[in-house]
Amino acid sequence: MRRTLLTLLLATMPAAIGAQEPTPVQTLPSDVRRMVVDRWNGANEFRASDRADIGATSEVRGNVSVLRGPLMLAGHVTGTVLMINGDVLLEPTARIDGDLIVVGGDVDGLPTAHIGGATRIYRPSLAFREEGERIVALDEAGKPTDENWWQRLERRREGNWSEAVRIVQAGAYNRVEGLPIQLGPAIQRLTPWGSFHLDAAAIVRTGTSFSSDDADVGHVVRSEVRIGRERGIGIGGQIYDDVEPIEAWQLSDLETALAAFLARRDYRDYYLRHGGLGSLTLYGARNLSLSASYGAERWSSRTLQNPFTLFNPDRDWRPNPSVDEGLFHIVDLALRFDTRTDPQDPWSGWYVSSDIEHGGGSISATAQGSSAIRFAPGSKNEYTRGFFDVRRYNRLGPSAQLNMRAVFAGWLGGDQMPLERRVSVDGPGTLPGFGFRTTRTGLDRGNCNIGSAVIGVPAECDRIALGQIEYRSDLRLPFTGGVEDFPRRYRRSHDDISWVLFADAGRGWLIDRGEGVPSFNSNEFPALSTFRTDLGIGLDVMGLGVYCAKALSSPSEPVNFFVRLRHRF
């Protein structure tokens, strides 16, 4: 491996000036250790545990991670390049669209190569141990380092493992269950032909399971067999009696749970589903996954409880709306396409999520809604529903990006959808300039509630459309986490703090069914001038965002302040 003259001089300098005080041994900062481990264990299009070569005619569409190395790079990488405890040699033809991160090594060829993002070099090596295809960072004493608190909540297990009694959170803390907890055995095995997973658990609901007059305990049994290691087919099945959120796409489980537990504010509605399904998954294609499932579920309403909250104990919970109850047979087809450089912190790439559901069944009990036309008990219902989420992340420079998102969802055909399948654009996850589930006069273009104060103010839109755009840029602050002797132009503060300017536009609408309220034909799209719009700004500190937003289309709406634990999208 060739070395630059500066590197050789730095390497020999301690011997030449031995009369000076010895330089203290540097250790890798804990936040850098976490970042490096997450990137290695995360999504990588190319990964190697020894010497790696990417030729001048080669293109890697995604992230590259190399352990020990060296890495000889002459081609094109559309994502981020990570080198752990090794050196990187960049040829003049090398092109990296994302960041170049080197831990415990050096880089040769920077002046002639093209780096679209930032270059970060950390002199100390990473102490780690390998667990299958994963690595675990070790501290100075050789013990595993702690993950941050949300990583511990979301950590996924890989490799061979089993537990006689596994205790895990079964969903977000919410106002109809409290904290749902799964207790039961689980096993996962890797085989020469693929893998096998099985877990069975009782679901204990802290809000109701311990009540003497309502022994409310659910269950879930899941199993999947995968034929093929890197690519192949997965065959799975589930039986369950659990509480399912309505419109879980707007905010993450963690954000919803903390809002409920801390502030006594629940941003979802819920219903009980009892049944089972079988699934088929095709995996291993580059950036693409396809899955299909068929299930039979009995849907029923859940009543509001009064779970403990840390603050605002005297505030009333928003009631949980009733749903259209009955036995439904569900066919679902889902397609995912993901070329993002990093799912948690993407700098470039596409993300497309497409889901089509066809359901049919008989309504045994009708939900309360503001629509003039509702189901009659015993009526048959058959519908088709779609959800399409398209995102594009664009790097504008080493410390700036422009991101865009479009969401279209709702009714595609058949009868009107049951209430638990209706949609909305309302609140901090979609149009934060507008209050969540606020009762308004006339037809609400956020949740399509029509004037009357329906209990819980449920989502009632047949269709929604949402557009979001944001500009993100790093703030140039001194706590960059890089080494002080590395040129400042190669360091950046993206992992520390960024400022965000954003705008949103969206609305929901009803399909004309002779209700006598503002609605549209099935082939019509509302005029853009009728969309709700807002504008906002915020600070993102290591993934924790603090924002404020103001409605533009409705100036009377107050300024809203909100917190996100992930990027907005």
Protein backbone atom coordinates (compact mmCIF):
# COMPACT_ATOMS: atom_id res chain seq x y z
CA MET A 1 0.00 0.00 0.00
CA ARG A 2 1.46 3.34 -1.01
CA ARG A 3 1.78 6.03 1.63
CA THR A 4 1.84 9.78 1.26
CA LEU A 5 4.96 11.67 2.28
CA LEU A 6 3.02 13.40 5.05
CA THR A 7 1.93 10.07 6.48
CA LEU A 8 5.50 8.75 6.53
CA LEU A 9 6.77 11.89 8.25
CA LEU A 10 4.07 11.68 10.91
CA ALA A 11 4.87 8.00 11.47
CA THR A 12 8.59 8.67 12.06
CA MET A 13 8.26 11.93 14.00
CA PRO A 14 8.02 10.42 17.55
CA ALA A 15 11.41 8.70 17.10
CA ALA A 16 13.06 11.92 15.95
CA ILE A 17 11.94 13.94 18.95
CA GLY A 18 12.11 11.37 21.69
CA ALA A 19 12.98 14.00 24.30
CA GLN A 20 9.40 15.29 24.25
CA GLU A 21 6.57 13.96 26.41
CA PRO A 22 4.97 10.82 24.91
CA THR A 23 1.66 11.45 23.16
CA PRO A 24 -1.30 9.98 25.10
CA VAL A 25 -2.95 6.99 23.47
CA GLN A 26 -6.10 8.13 21.70
CA THR A 27 -9.34 6.21 22.03
CA LEU A 28 -12.23 6.20 19.63
CA PRO A 29 -15.16 8.34 20.93
CA SER A 30 -18.21 6.33 21.97
CA ASP A 31 -20.51 8.04 19.45
CA VAL A 32 -18.07 7.18 16.64
CA ARG A 33 -17.93 3.55 17.80
CA ARG A 34 -21.73 3.37 17.64
CA MET A 35 -21.82 4.99 14.21
CA VAL A 36 -19.19 2.62 12.76
CA VAL A 37 -20.85 -0.51 14.19
CA ASP A 38 -24.29 0.60 12.94
CA ARG A 39 -22.97 1.18 9.44
CA TRP A 40 -21.15 -2.17 9.28
CA ASN A 41 -24.18 -4.08 10.67
CA GLY A 42 -26.62 -2.11 8.51
CA ALA A 43 -27.46 -2.16 4.80
CA ASN A 44 -24.36 -2.64 2.63
CA GLU A 45 -24.34 -3.45 -1.05
CA PHE A 46 -20.66 -4.50 -0.84
CA ARG A 47 -18.99 -5.86 2.30
CA ALA A 48 -15.58 -7.51 2.74
CA SER A 49 -13.56 -8.71 5.73
CA ASP A 50 -10.17 -8.58 4.02
CA ARG A 51 -8.55 -6.98 0.97
CA ALA A 52 -11.08 -5.58 -1.48
CA ASP A 53 -10.71 -4.22 -5.02
CA ILE A 54 -13.28 -2.15 -6.93
CA GLY A 55 -12.01 -1.67 -10.46
CA ALA A 56 -12.30 1.37 -12.68
CA THR A 57 -15.17 -0.14 -14.68
CA SER A 58 -17.11 -1.27 -11.59
CA GLU A 59 -20.06 0.53 -9.99
CA VAL A 60 -21.46 -0.28 -6.54
CA ARG A 61 -24.98 1.08 -6.10
CA GLY A 62 -25.10 1.43 -2.34
CA ASN A 63 -22.80 1.42 0.68
CA VAL A 64 -19.37 -0.23 0.84
CA SER A 65 -17.92 -1.49 4.13
CA VAL A 66 -14.53 -3.15 4.53
CA LEU A 67 -12.99 -4.68 7.63
CA ARG A 68 -9.18 -4.72 7.99
CA GLY A 69 -8.69 -4.11 4.27
CA PRO A 70 -6.94 -2.62 2.46
CA LEU A 71 -9.47 -1.22 -0.03
CA MET A 72 -8.25 -0.41 -3.54
CA LEU A 73 -10.90 1.82 -5.14
CA ALA A 74 -10.84 2.94 -8.77
CA GLY A 75 -14.54 2.69 -9.64
CA HIS A 76 -17.83 4.37 -8.65
CA VAL A 77 -19.67 3.98 -5.32
CA THR A 78 -23.08 5.66 -5.08
CA GLY A 79 -23.25 5.39 -1.29
CA THR A 80 -20.87 5.72 1.67
CA VAL A 81 -17.49 3.97 1.96
CA LEU A 82 -16.50 2.72 5.43
CA MET A 83 -13.06 1.28 6.24
CA ILE A 84 -12.46 -0.25 9.68
CA ASN A 85 -8.88 -0.78 10.86
CA GLY A 86 -7.34 -0.55 7.40
CA ASP A 87 -6.16 1.77 4.64
CA VAL A 88 -7.86 3.09 1.51
CA LEU A 89 -6.07 3.70 -1.80
CA LEU A 90 -8.01 5.95 -4.17
CA GLU A 91 -7.10 5.96 -7.84
CA PRO A 92 -7.71 9.11 -9.93
CA THR A 93 -10.81 7.46 -11.43
CA ALA A 94 -12.36 6.77 -8.00
CA ARG A 95 -15.72 8.39 -7.35
CA ILE A 96 -17.69 8.24 -4.07
CA ASP A 97 -21.09 9.98 -4.04
CA GLY A 98 -21.48 9.69 -0.27
CA ASP A 99 -19.04 9.97 2.65
CA LEU A 100 -15.63 8.37 3.08
CA ILE A 101 -15.15 7.19 6.68
CA VAL A 102 -11.85 5.62 7.76
CA VAL A 103 -11.26 4.30 11.28
CA GLY A 104 -7.83 3.11 12.36
CA GLY A 105 -6.25 3.68 8.97
CA ASP A 106 -5.23 6.22 6.35
CA VAL A 107 -6.20 7.37 2.88
CA ASP A 108 -3.99 7.81 -0.17
CA GLY A 109 -5.12 9.59 -3.32
CA LEU A 110 -7.57 12.14 -1.90
CA PRO A 111 -6.47 15.09 -4.06
CA THR A 112 -7.25 13.34 -7.34
CA ALA A 113 -10.35 11.31 -6.40
CA HIS A 114 -13.92 12.65 -6.31
CA ILE A 115 -15.66 12.54 -2.90
CA GLY A 116 -19.22 13.87 -3.08
CA GLY A 117 -19.74 13.91 0.68
CA ALA A 118 -17.40 14.42 3.59
CA THR A 119 -14.14 12.64 4.43
CA ARG A 120 -13.68 11.64 8.06
CA ILE A 121 -10.51 9.97 9.32
CA TYR A 122 -10.21 8.71 12.90
CA ARG A 123 -6.69 7.64 13.89
CA PRO A 124 -7.58 5.24 16.76
CA SER A 125 -8.55 1.72 15.78
CA LEU A 126 -11.88 0.12 16.62
CA ALA A 127 -11.76 -2.66 19.19
CA PHE A 128 -14.43 -5.22 18.34
CA ARG A 129 -15.40 -8.86 18.22
CA GLU A 130 -17.19 -10.64 15.40
CA GLU A 131 -20.51 -12.43 15.96
CA GLY A 132 -21.33 -14.07 12.66
CA GLU A 133 -21.70 -11.30 10.10
CA ARG A 134 -22.10 -8.64 12.81
CA ILE A 135 -19.49 -6.87 14.90
CA VAL A 136 -19.77 -5.69 18.51
CA ALA A 137 -17.64 -2.76 19.67
CA LEU A 138 -15.50 -3.24 22.80
CA ASP A 139 -14.38 -0.62 25.28
CA GLU A 140 -10.88 -0.17 26.71
CA ALA A 141 -11.47 -3.05 29.14
CA GLY A 142 -12.53 -5.41 26.35
CA LYS A 143 -16.22 -5.33 27.30
CA PRO A 144 -19.07 -4.64 24.84
CA THR A 145 -19.96 -0.96 24.71
CA ASP A 146 -23.50 0.14 25.45
CA GLU A 147 -25.84 1.05 22.62
CA ASN A 148 -27.89 4.20 22.92
CA TRP A 149 -31.33 3.80 24.45
CA TRP A 150 -33.38 3.73 21.25
CA GLN A 151 -30.99 1.25 19.64
CA ARG A 152 -31.53 -1.09 22.59
CA LEU A 153 -35.29 -0.85 22.06
CA GLU A 154 -35.00 -1.54 18.33
CA ARG A 155 -32.04 -3.97 18.23
CA ARG A 156 -32.52 -6.96 15.97
CA ARG A 157 -30.92 -10.33 16.65
CA GLU A 158 -29.07 -12.33 14.02
CA GLY A 159 -27.37 -15.71 13.92
CA ASN A 160 -28.30 -18.78 16.01
CA TRP A 161 -30.07 -18.06 19.28
CA SER A 162 -32.91 -19.25 21.46
CA GLU A 163 -34.59 -18.14 24.67
CA ALA A 164 -36.83 -20.16 26.96
CA VAL A 165 -38.66 -17.01 28.04
CA ARG A 166 -38.28 -13.87 26.00
CA ILE A 167 -39.72 -10.60 27.28
CA VAL A 168 -40.09 -7.90 24.63
CA GLN A 169 -42.26 -4.89 24.00
CA ALA A 170 -45.17 -5.86 21.72
CA GLY A 171 -46.01 -2.39 20.45
CA ALA A 172 -46.18 1.28 21.34
CA TYR A 173 -47.41 2.43 24.74
CA ASN A 174 -51.00 3.47 24.06
CA ARG A 175 -54.27 4.53 25.65
CA VAL A 176 -56.17 1.24 25.11
CA GLU A 177 -53.53 -1.25 26.37
CA GLY A 178 -50.92 0.66 28.35
CA LEU A 179 -47.67 -1.16 27.59
CA PRO A 180 -48.17 -4.44 25.67
CA ILE A 181 -45.48 -7.01 26.56
CA GLN A 182 -44.79 -10.37 24.89
CA LEU A 183 -43.68 -13.27 27.11
CA GLY A 184 -42.75 -16.61 25.58
CA PRO A 185 -40.07 -18.81 23.98
CA ALA A 186 -38.28 -18.02 20.74
CA ILE A 187 -35.74 -19.79 18.55
CA GLN A 188 -33.77 -18.94 15.42
CA ARG A 189 -31.44 -21.27 13.55
CA LEU A 190 -29.22 -20.82 10.50
CA THR A 191 -28.92 -23.93 8.34
CA PRO A 192 -26.88 -24.85 5.26
CA TRP A 193 -30.00 -24.32 3.14
CA GLY A 194 -31.37 -21.17 4.82
CA SER A 195 -32.86 -20.32 8.20
CA PHE A 196 -35.74 -21.09 10.54
CA HIS A 197 -37.48 -18.85 13.07
CA LEU A 198 -40.25 -19.61 15.56
CA ASP A 199 -41.63 -17.65 18.49
CA ALA A 200 -44.78 -17.92 20.59
CA ALA A 201 -45.88 -15.45 23.22
CA ALA A 202 -48.69 -14.29 25.42
CA ILE A 203 -49.39 -10.56 25.13
CA VAL A 204 -49.83 -9.00 28.55
CA ARG A 205 -51.48 -5.58 28.44
CA THR A 206 -50.53 -3.56 31.49
CA GLY A 207 -53.68 -1.45 31.22
CA THR A 208 -56.17 -4.34 31.34
CA SER A 209 -54.52 -7.76 31.81
CA PHE A 210 -54.31 -7.44 35.58
CA SER A 211 -57.93 -6.38 36.06
CA SER A 212 -59.97 -8.97 37.94
CA ASP A 213 -63.08 -8.34 35.84
CA ASP A 214 -61.34 -8.32 32.44
CA ALA A 215 -58.54 -10.86 31.95
CA ASP A 216 -57.36 -9.24 28.73
CA VAL A 217 -54.41 -11.32 27.47
CA GLY A 218 -53.58 -11.70 23.78
CA HIS A 219 -51.26 -14.05 21.94
CA VAL A 220 -49.04 -14.32 18.87
CA VAL A 221 -47.32 -17.31 17.24
CA ARG A 222 -44.98 -16.65 14.29
CA SER A 223 -42.88 -18.94 12.15
CA GLU A 224 -40.85 -18.51 8.96
CA VAL A 225 -38.65 -20.82 6.91
CA ARG A 226 -36.21 -19.21 4.48
CA ILE A 227 -34.79 -21.29 1.66
CA GLY A 228 -31.54 -19.66 0.56
CA ARG A 229 -29.03 -17.54 2.46
CA GLU A 230 -28.28 -14.42 0.43
CA ARG A 231 -31.33 -14.74 -1.82
CA GLY A 232 -34.28 -17.08 -1.99
CA ILE A 233 -37.82 -17.49 -0.77
CA GLY A 234 -39.41 -17.19 2.66
CA ILE A 235 -42.56 -19.06 3.73
CA GLY A 236 -44.20 -17.93 6.95
CA GLY A 237 -47.34 -18.00 9.02
CA GLN A 238 -48.88 -16.27 12.03
CA ILE A 239 -51.80 -16.60 14.38
CA TYR A 240 -52.58 -13.66 16.63
CA ASP A 241 -54.91 -11.87 18.97
CA ASP A 242 -53.41 -8.41 19.20
CA VAL A 243 -54.17 -4.72 19.07
CA GLU A 244 -53.35 -3.12 15.72
CA PRO A 245 -52.77 0.61 15.18
CA ILE A 246 -54.66 2.51 12.49
CA GLU A 247 -52.37 4.55 10.22
CA ALA A 248 -49.05 3.53 11.74
CA TRP A 249 -47.15 5.14 8.83
CA GLN A 250 -47.24 8.73 10.12
CA LEU A 251 -45.06 8.38 13.24
CA SER A 252 -42.76 5.63 14.53
CA ASP A 253 -43.70 3.33 17.43
CA LEU A 254 -41.13 4.99 19.66
CA GLU A 255 -42.35 8.52 18.96
CA THR A 256 -45.97 7.49 19.52
CA ALA A 257 -45.13 5.63 22.74
CA LEU A 258 -43.17 8.53 24.26
CA ALA A 259 -45.89 11.05 23.37
CA ALA A 260 -48.44 8.86 25.15
CA PHE A 261 -46.28 8.02 28.18
CA LEU A 262 -44.84 11.49 28.75
CA ALA A 263 -47.46 13.94 27.52
CA ARG A 264 -50.70 11.89 27.61
CA ARG A 265 -51.17 12.39 23.87
CA ASP A 266 -51.85 9.41 21.59
CA TYR A 267 -51.39 10.05 17.86
CA ARG A 268 -52.98 6.77 16.75
CA ASP A 269 -56.26 4.89 16.95
CA TYR A 270 -56.51 1.14 17.58
CA TYR A 271 -58.64 -1.93 16.99
CA LEU A 272 -58.45 -5.61 17.98
CA ARG A 273 -57.69 -8.21 15.34
CA HIS A 274 -57.97 -11.96 15.92
CA GLY A 275 -56.99 -14.45 13.23
CA GLY A 276 -54.08 -15.71 11.19
CA LEU A 277 -52.24 -15.39 7.88
CA GLY A 278 -49.76 -17.09 5.60
CA SER A 279 -47.05 -15.20 3.73
CA LEU A 280 -44.60 -15.65 0.88
CA THR A 281 -41.52 -13.41 0.51
CA LEU A 282 -38.98 -13.11 -2.29
CA TYR A 283 -35.71 -11.65 -1.00
CA GLY A 284 -32.14 -11.08 -2.14
CA ALA A 285 -32.74 -8.99 -5.27
CA ARG A 286 -30.69 -5.80 -5.31
CA ASN A 287 -32.59 -3.06 -3.43
CA LEU A 288 -35.90 -4.87 -3.98
CA SER A 289 -38.26 -7.05 -1.96
CA LEU A 290 -41.67 -8.51 -2.76
CA SER A 291 -44.10 -10.17 -0.36
CA ALA A 292 -47.65 -11.51 -0.51
CA SER A 293 -49.98 -12.71 2.23
CA TYR A 294 -53.47 -14.10 2.76
CA GLY A 295 -55.26 -13.99 6.08
CA ALA A 296 -58.59 -14.17 7.87
CA GLU A 297 -59.16 -11.69 10.71
CA ARG A 298 -62.02 -10.75 12.99
CA TRP A 299 -62.00 -7.03 13.73
CA SER A 300 -63.52 -5.44 16.83
CA SER A 301 -63.37 -2.14 18.72
CA ARG A 302 -61.22 -1.36 21.75
CA THR A 303 -62.36 0.89 24.56
CA LEU A 304 -60.37 3.70 26.13
CA GLN A 305 -58.41 2.90 29.30
CA ASN A 306 -56.57 5.24 31.63
CA PRO A 307 -52.89 4.15 31.62
CA PHE A 308 -50.26 5.93 33.71
CA THR A 309 -48.51 8.98 32.25
CA LEU A 310 -45.56 10.87 33.63
CA PHE A 311 -47.06 14.32 33.03
CA ASN A 312 -50.56 15.81 32.62
CA PRO A 313 -52.34 13.15 34.73
CA ASP A 314 -55.48 15.32 34.90
CA ARG A 315 -55.81 15.73 31.12
CA ASP A 316 -58.48 13.63 29.42
CA TRP A 317 -57.39 11.12 26.82
CA ARG A 318 -58.91 11.45 23.36
CA PRO A 319 -61.48 8.62 23.11
CA ASN A 320 -60.56 5.69 20.90
CA PRO A 321 -63.03 5.61 17.98
CA SER A 322 -65.14 2.53 17.31
CA VAL A 323 -64.51 0.53 14.11
CA ASP A 324 -66.61 -1.50 11.68
CA GLU A 325 -66.59 -4.97 13.21
CA GLY A 326 -66.72 -8.25 11.33
CA LEU A 327 -64.80 -11.17 9.83
CA PHE A 328 -62.65 -10.21 6.84
CA HIS A 329 -60.45 -12.12 4.42
CA ILE A 330 -57.40 -10.08 3.40
CA VAL A 331 -55.05 -10.45 0.41
CA ASP A 332 -52.02 -8.15 0.51
CA LEU A 333 -49.20 -7.51 -1.96
CA ALA A 334 -46.23 -5.32 -0.94
CA LEU A 335 -43.26 -4.10 -2.97
CA ARG A 336 -40.23 -2.23 -1.57
CA PHE A 337 -37.45 -0.54 -3.56
CA ASP A 338 -34.64 1.08 -1.56
CA THR A 339 -31.39 2.58 -2.88
CA ARG A 340 -30.77 4.93 0.08
CA THR A 341 -27.20 5.24 1.27
CA ASP A 342 -28.35 4.76 4.88
CA PRO A 343 -31.96 4.00 5.96
CA GLN A 344 -31.56 6.00 9.19
CA ASP A 345 -29.59 8.93 7.77
CA PRO A 346 -29.88 8.88 3.96
CA TRP A 347 -27.89 11.34 1.87
CA SER A 348 -28.97 10.14 -1.56
CA GLY A 349 -31.09 7.52 -3.23
CA TRP A 350 -34.69 6.40 -3.73
CA TYR A 351 -37.19 4.77 -1.40
CA VAL A 352 -40.45 3.41 -2.83
CA SER A 353 -43.05 1.53 -0.78
CA SER A 354 -46.12 0.15 -2.53
CA ASP A 355 -48.88 -1.85 -0.85
CA ILE A 356 -52.18 -3.07 -2.30
CA GLU A 357 -54.80 -4.74 -0.11
CA HIS A 358 -58.04 -6.44 -1.13
CA GLY A 359 -60.48 -7.22 1.64
CA GLY A 360 -63.90 -8.80 1.81
CA GLY A 361 -66.23 -9.76 4.60
CA SER A 362 -69.45 -9.15 6.50
CA ILE A 363 -70.08 -6.21 8.84
CA SER A 364 -71.55 -7.33 12.17
CA ALA A 365 -71.44 -3.95 13.97
CA THR A 366 -71.17 -0.47 12.46
CA ALA A 367 -68.81 2.21 13.68
CA GLN A 368 -69.90 5.74 14.48
CA GLY A 369 -68.92 8.15 11.72
CA SER A 370 -69.89 11.55 10.40
CA SER A 371 -70.72 10.21 6.91
CA ALA A 372 -74.40 10.06 6.03
CA ILE A 373 -73.98 6.64 4.43
CA ARG A 374 -72.78 3.89 6.73
CA PHE A 375 -72.91 0.11 6.71
CA ALA A 376 -76.02 -1.74 7.81
CA PRO A 377 -75.32 -4.60 10.26
CA GLY A 378 -74.98 -7.85 8.34
CA SER A 379 -74.08 -6.13 5.06
CA LYS A 380 -71.39 -7.53 2.79
CA ASN A 381 -68.33 -5.41 2.05
CA GLU A 382 -65.56 -5.76 -0.51
CA TYR A 383 -62.91 -3.13 -1.19
CA THR A 384 -59.45 -2.54 -2.64
CA ARG A 385 -57.04 -0.14 -0.98
CA GLY A 386 -53.58 1.13 -1.95
CA PHE A 387 -50.70 2.91 -0.25
CA PHE A 388 -47.81 4.45 -2.23
CA ASP A 389 -44.88 6.27 -0.62
CA VAL A 390 -42.13 7.65 -2.90
CA ARG A 391 -39.07 9.49 -1.55
CA ARG A 392 -36.01 10.99 -3.21
CA TYR A 393 -32.88 12.10 -1.31
CA ASN A 394 -30.50 14.44 -3.14
CA ARG A 395 -27.04 15.52 -1.99
CA LEU A 396 -26.32 19.11 -2.99
CA GLY A 397 -22.85 19.26 -1.46
CA PRO A 398 -20.71 18.00 1.42
CA SER A 399 -23.10 19.41 4.04
CA ALA A 400 -26.45 20.03 2.33
CA GLN A 401 -29.24 18.02 0.80
CA LEU A 402 -32.71 18.48 -0.69
CA ASN A 403 -35.24 15.71 0.04
CA MET A 404 -38.71 15.16 -1.39
CA ARG A 405 -41.60 12.83 -0.60
CA ALA A 406 -45.01 12.07 -2.13
CA VAL A 407 -47.70 9.87 -0.56
CA PHE A 408 -50.92 8.70 -2.23
CA ALA A 409 -53.22 6.35 -0.38
CA GLY A 410 -56.79 5.19 -0.06
CA TRP A 411 -59.67 3.65 -1.97
CA LEU A 412 -58.98 2.00 -5.34
CA GLY A 413 -62.23 0.15 -6.01
CA GLY A 414 -65.23 -1.76 -4.68
CA ASP A 415 -67.41 -0.72 -1.75
CA GLN A 416 -66.51 2.01 0.69
CA MET A 417 -63.73 1.03 3.08
CA PRO A 418 -64.34 0.06 6.71
CA LEU A 419 -63.37 2.79 9.18
CA GLU A 420 -60.15 1.00 10.22
CA ARG A 421 -58.95 1.27 6.63
CA ARG A 422 -59.69 4.99 6.17
CA VAL A 423 -56.81 7.49 5.90
CA SER A 424 -55.89 11.07 6.88
CA VAL A 425 -53.16 13.72 6.72
CA ASP A 426 -53.26 15.31 10.13
CA GLY A 427 -50.70 16.32 12.75
CA PRO A 428 -46.92 16.23 13.28
CA GLY A 429 -46.18 13.28 10.99
CA THR A 430 -47.78 14.79 7.88
CA LEU A 431 -48.91 18.45 8.12
CA PRO A 432 -47.43 19.66 11.42
CA GLY A 433 -48.73 23.19 10.92
CA PHE A 434 -52.23 21.90 11.69
CA GLY A 435 -53.42 20.51 15.01
CA PHE A 436 -53.99 16.76 15.28
CA ARG A 437 -57.62 15.60 15.34
CA THR A 438 -58.98 19.10 15.91
CA THR A 439 -62.75 19.49 15.53
CA ARG A 440 -63.57 22.03 12.81
CA THR A 441 -66.75 23.26 11.15
CA GLY A 442 -67.65 21.90 7.71
CA LEU A 443 -65.61 19.21 5.97
CA ASP A 444 -62.16 18.84 7.49
CA ARG A 445 -59.64 18.37 4.66
CA GLY A 446 -57.23 16.63 7.01
CA ASN A 447 -59.35 13.76 8.34
CA CYS A 448 -62.63 14.26 6.37
CA ASN A 449 -64.76 14.47 9.49
CA ILE A 450 -67.94 16.30 8.52
CA GLY A 451 -68.81 18.97 11.03
CA SER A 452 -70.20 16.85 13.86
CA ALA A 453 -67.98 15.93 16.77
CA VAL A 454 -67.71 12.16 16.28
CA ILE A 455 -66.31 10.42 19.34
CA GLY A 456 -62.52 10.32 19.00
CA VAL A 457 -62.55 12.26 15.68
CA PRO A 458 -61.45 9.28 13.53
CA ALA A 459 -59.83 9.38 10.12
CA GLU A 460 -62.60 9.16 7.51
CA CYS A 461 -60.98 10.09 4.17
CA ASP A 462 -61.38 7.79 1.19
CA ARG A 463 -58.17 9.13 -0.34
CA ILE A 464 -55.24 11.35 0.60
CA ALA A 465 -52.38 13.06 -1.21
CA LEU A 466 -49.32 14.49 0.54
CA GLY A 467 -46.18 16.25 -0.69
CA GLN A 468 -43.21 17.11 1.54
CA ILE A 469 -39.94 18.85 0.77
CA GLU A 470 -37.06 19.81 3.03
CA TYR A 471 -33.63 21.40 2.81
CA ARG A 472 -31.07 20.18 5.36
CA SER A 473 -27.67 21.72 6.04
CA ASP A 474 -25.01 21.17 8.68
CA LEU A 475 -24.22 23.83 11.22
CA ARG A 476 -20.48 24.46 11.36
CA LEU A 477 -19.77 23.91 15.04
CA PRO A 478 -16.52 22.89 16.76
CA PHE A 479 -17.72 19.53 18.10
CA THR A 480 -17.24 17.56 14.88
CA GLY A 481 -15.94 14.40 16.47
CA GLY A 482 -12.97 14.27 14.05
CA VAL A 483 -9.29 14.34 14.82
CA GLU A 484 -7.74 17.75 15.30
CA ASP A 485 -4.72 17.14 13.08
CA PHE A 486 -6.82 16.39 10.00
CA PRO A 487 -7.49 19.27 7.56
CA ARG A 488 -10.69 21.08 8.47
CA ARG A 489 -12.07 20.94 4.94
CA TYR A 490 -12.39 17.15 5.29
CA ARG A 491 -14.38 17.31 8.55
CA ARG A 492 -18.05 17.98 9.00
CA SER A 493 -20.62 18.19 11.80
CA HIS A 494 -23.42 16.16 10.19
CA ASP A 495 -23.49 13.74 13.12
CA ASP A 496 -23.83 16.67 15.53
CA ILE A 497 -26.39 19.25 14.44
CA SER A 498 -28.21 20.35 11.28
CA TRP A 499 -30.81 22.97 10.52
CA VAL A 500 -33.88 22.04 8.49
CA LEU A 501 -36.25 24.17 6.41
CA PHE A 502 -39.38 22.34 5.24
CA ALA A 503 -42.75 22.77 3.54
CA ASP A 504 -45.75 20.44 3.25
CA ALA A 505 -48.94 20.30 1.21
CA GLY A 506 -51.73 17.77 1.39
CA ARG A 507 -55.37 16.98 1.85
CA GLY A 508 -57.87 14.16 2.10
CA TRP A 509 -61.15 13.81 0.26
CA LEU A 510 -64.26 11.65 -0.08
CA ILE A 511 -65.47 9.67 -3.09
CA ASP A 512 -68.95 10.73 -4.21
CA ARG A 513 -71.54 8.23 -2.98
CA GLY A 514 -74.56 10.53 -2.91
CA GLU A 515 -73.94 11.76 0.63
CA GLY A 516 -74.66 15.40 -0.14
CA VAL A 517 -71.25 16.60 1.11
CA PRO A 518 -68.23 17.95 -0.82
CA SER A 519 -66.74 14.96 -2.64
CA PHE A 520 -65.15 13.91 -5.92
CA ASN A 521 -65.77 11.31 -8.57
CA SER A 522 -63.48 8.31 -8.47
CA ASN A 523 -61.44 9.60 -11.43
CA GLU A 524 -61.11 13.18 -10.13
CA PHE A 525 -58.21 14.81 -8.30
CA PRO A 526 -58.75 17.92 -6.12
CA ALA A 527 -57.37 21.26 -7.31
CA LEU A 528 -53.98 22.03 -5.77
CA SER A 529 -55.37 25.36 -4.53
CA THR A 530 -57.57 23.40 -2.08
CA PHE A 531 -54.61 21.68 -0.39
CA ARG A 532 -53.52 22.52 3.13
CA THR A 533 -50.01 23.99 3.22
CA ASP A 534 -47.51 24.76 5.96
CA LEU A 535 -43.93 25.96 6.39
CA GLY A 536 -41.48 25.22 9.17
CA ILE A 537 -37.93 25.20 10.47
CA GLY A 538 -36.05 23.14 13.03
CA LEU A 539 -32.80 21.78 14.45
CA ASP A 540 -31.77 18.14 14.18
CA VAL A 541 -29.29 17.19 16.91
CA MET A 542 -27.93 13.66 16.29
CA GLY A 543 -31.35 12.48 15.10
CA LEU A 544 -33.39 14.35 17.73
CA GLY A 545 -35.29 17.08 15.92
CA VAL A 546 -36.97 20.12 17.47
CA TYR A 547 -39.25 21.92 15.00
CA CYS A 548 -41.87 24.63 14.67
CA ALA A 549 -44.44 24.85 11.85
CA LYS A 550 -47.00 27.45 10.75
CA ALA A 551 -50.03 26.82 8.56
CA LEU A 552 -50.05 28.96 5.40
CA SER A 553 -53.43 28.03 3.93
CA SER A 554 -55.19 28.69 7.28
CA PRO A 555 -53.50 31.72 8.88
CA SER A 556 -55.69 31.45 12.00
CA GLU A 557 -53.96 28.21 13.00
CA PRO A 558 -51.42 28.79 15.79
CA VAL A 559 -47.71 28.00 15.46
CA ASN A 560 -47.09 24.38 16.44
CA PHE A 561 -43.93 23.11 18.13
CA PHE A 562 -43.07 19.41 17.98
CA VAL A 563 -40.22 16.92 18.49
CA ARG A 564 -39.18 14.04 16.23
CA LEU A 565 -36.81 11.20 17.14
CA ARG A 566 -35.97 10.47 13.51
CA HIS A 567 -35.75 12.53 10.35
CA ARG A 568 -39.18 13.73 9.22
CA PHE A 569 -39.08 11.16 6.42
